[in-house]
Amino acid sequence: MDETSEKPAQPSLAAALDRLWARFLAETRERVAVIDAAVQALAAGSLSAEQRESAASAAHKLAGVLGTFSLARGTELARELELQFSASTGLAPDDAERLASHTAELRSLIENRR
């Protein structure tokens, strides 16, 4: 086979995932910010139904995508946050500390993905 008929090397899966990650990182960060705002509102005793639904939706979307980028722990945290925000039982301001811890860990995993 001569040089002119060789196909260029296919990019690796890891490189493709890295490009996708870079493309969607801002959106991923925004979803964490939505969750964080809901946690802060919960702590202040002013969590609205709309904020709660937005946080559950953002967490659901994160749970669905983070495993694709080798962030299984992120998926676990996002699922827990989704369950908490979508549960029919009420969240209390006392729950905010635990949810804030989950959100902080989630943010750290996202920011430190390699």
Protein backbone atom coordinates (compact mmCIF):
# COMPACT_ATOMS: atom_id res chain seq x y z
CA MET A 1 0.00 0.00 0.00
CA ASP A 2 1.52 3.34 -0.96
CA GLU A 3 1.33 6.50 1.14
CA THR A 4 -1.38 8.12 -0.97
CA SER A 5 -3.86 5.31 -0.36
CA GLU A 6 -3.46 5.16 3.42
CA LYS A 7 -6.31 6.51 5.47
CA PRO A 8 -5.53 8.98 8.24
CA ALA A 9 -5.48 7.46 11.70
CA GLN A 10 -8.85 7.49 13.43
CA PRO A 11 -8.94 9.63 16.55
CA SER A 12 -9.02 7.62 19.71
CA LEU A 13 -12.22 7.23 21.69
CA ALA A 14 -10.63 9.05 24.60
CA ALA A 15 -9.78 12.03 22.40
CA ALA A 16 -13.32 12.09 21.02
CA LEU A 17 -14.77 12.01 24.54
CA ASP A 18 -12.44 14.80 25.59
CA ARG A 19 -13.68 16.95 22.71
CA LEU A 20 -17.30 16.24 23.66
CA TRP A 21 -16.56 17.02 27.29
CA ALA A 22 -15.05 20.37 26.34
CA ARG A 23 -18.04 21.13 24.14
CA PHE A 24 -20.60 20.48 26.89
CA LEU A 25 -18.65 21.59 29.97
CA ALA A 26 -20.37 24.98 30.22
CA GLU A 27 -23.80 23.33 30.08
CA THR A 28 -22.70 20.79 32.68
CA ARG A 29 -21.51 23.57 34.97
CA GLU A 30 -24.82 25.40 34.50
CA ARG A 31 -26.73 22.29 35.61
CA VAL A 32 -24.63 22.11 38.77
CA ALA A 33 -25.33 25.82 39.35
CA VAL A 34 -29.08 25.17 39.10
CA ILE A 35 -28.78 22.45 41.74
CA ASP A 36 -26.60 24.66 43.93
CA ALA A 37 -29.10 27.53 43.77
CA ALA A 38 -31.88 25.15 44.81
CA VAL A 39 -29.80 23.87 47.74
CA GLN A 40 -29.14 27.46 48.85
CA ALA A 41 -32.84 28.28 48.59
CA LEU A 42 -33.64 25.15 50.62
CA ALA A 43 -31.17 26.23 53.31
CA ALA A 44 -32.85 29.64 53.42
CA GLY A 45 -36.30 28.04 53.65
CA SER A 46 -37.40 29.55 50.34
CA LEU A 47 -37.18 26.67 47.85
CA SER A 48 -39.94 27.11 45.27
CA ALA A 49 -41.64 24.28 43.42
CA GLU A 50 -40.11 25.59 40.19
CA GLN A 51 -36.58 25.57 41.66
CA ARG A 52 -37.13 22.08 43.00
CA GLU A 53 -38.30 20.81 39.59
CA SER A 54 -35.41 22.55 37.83
CA ALA A 55 -32.91 21.00 40.23
CA ALA A 56 -34.42 17.53 39.77
CA SER A 57 -34.29 17.95 35.99
CA ALA A 58 -30.69 19.21 36.03
CA ALA A 59 -29.63 16.32 38.29
CA HIS A 60 -31.43 13.83 36.04
CA LYS A 61 -29.57 15.11 32.99
CA LEU A 62 -26.24 14.99 34.82
CA ALA A 63 -26.89 11.45 36.04
CA GLY A 64 -27.55 10.39 32.47
CA VAL A 65 -24.37 11.82 31.00
CA LEU A 66 -21.60 11.68 33.61
CA GLY A 67 -21.06 7.94 33.37
CA THR A 68 -20.29 8.36 29.68
CA PHE A 69 -17.32 10.46 30.71
CA SER A 70 -16.05 7.93 33.29
CA LEU A 71 -17.55 9.80 36.22
CA ALA A 72 -19.53 6.97 37.83
CA ARG A 73 -19.39 8.66 41.25
CA GLY A 74 -20.83 11.79 39.62
CA THR A 75 -23.71 9.71 38.30
CA GLU A 76 -24.35 8.35 41.81
CA LEU A 77 -24.35 11.83 43.33
CA ALA A 78 -26.58 13.26 40.61
CA ARG A 79 -29.06 10.39 41.04
CA GLU A 80 -29.20 11.00 44.78
CA LEU A 81 -29.81 14.71 44.20
CA GLU A 82 -32.47 13.92 41.61
CA LEU A 83 -34.25 11.58 44.02
CA GLN A 84 -34.16 14.13 46.81
CA PHE A 85 -35.48 16.99 44.69
CA SER A 86 -38.15 14.88 43.00
CA ALA A 87 -39.37 13.06 46.12
CA SER A 88 -42.96 13.68 47.09
CA THR A 89 -41.94 14.10 50.72
CA GLY A 90 -40.86 17.58 51.64
CA LEU A 91 -37.29 18.65 51.92
CA ALA A 92 -36.39 20.55 55.06
CA PRO A 93 -33.72 23.20 55.52
CA ASP A 94 -31.87 20.60 57.64
CA ASP A 95 -31.38 18.54 54.44
CA ALA A 96 -29.47 21.38 52.79
CA GLU A 97 -26.10 20.59 54.38
CA ARG A 98 -26.08 17.03 53.02
CA LEU A 99 -27.28 18.15 49.60
CA ALA A 100 -24.69 20.94 49.54
CA SER A 101 -21.99 18.37 50.28
CA HIS A 102 -23.20 16.19 47.39
CA THR A 103 -23.29 19.22 45.09
CA ALA A 104 -19.78 20.30 46.09
CA GLU A 105 -18.42 16.81 45.46
CA LEU A 106 -20.21 16.70 42.11
CA ARG A 107 -18.73 20.07 41.12
CA SER A 108 -15.26 18.90 42.14
CA LEU A 109 -15.54 15.72 40.06
CA ILE A 110 -16.62 17.73 37.03
CA GLU A 111 -13.92 20.36 37.39
CA ASN A 112 -11.18 17.79 37.94
CA ARG A 113 -12.10 15.33 35.19
CA ARG A 114 -9.01 14.16 33.39
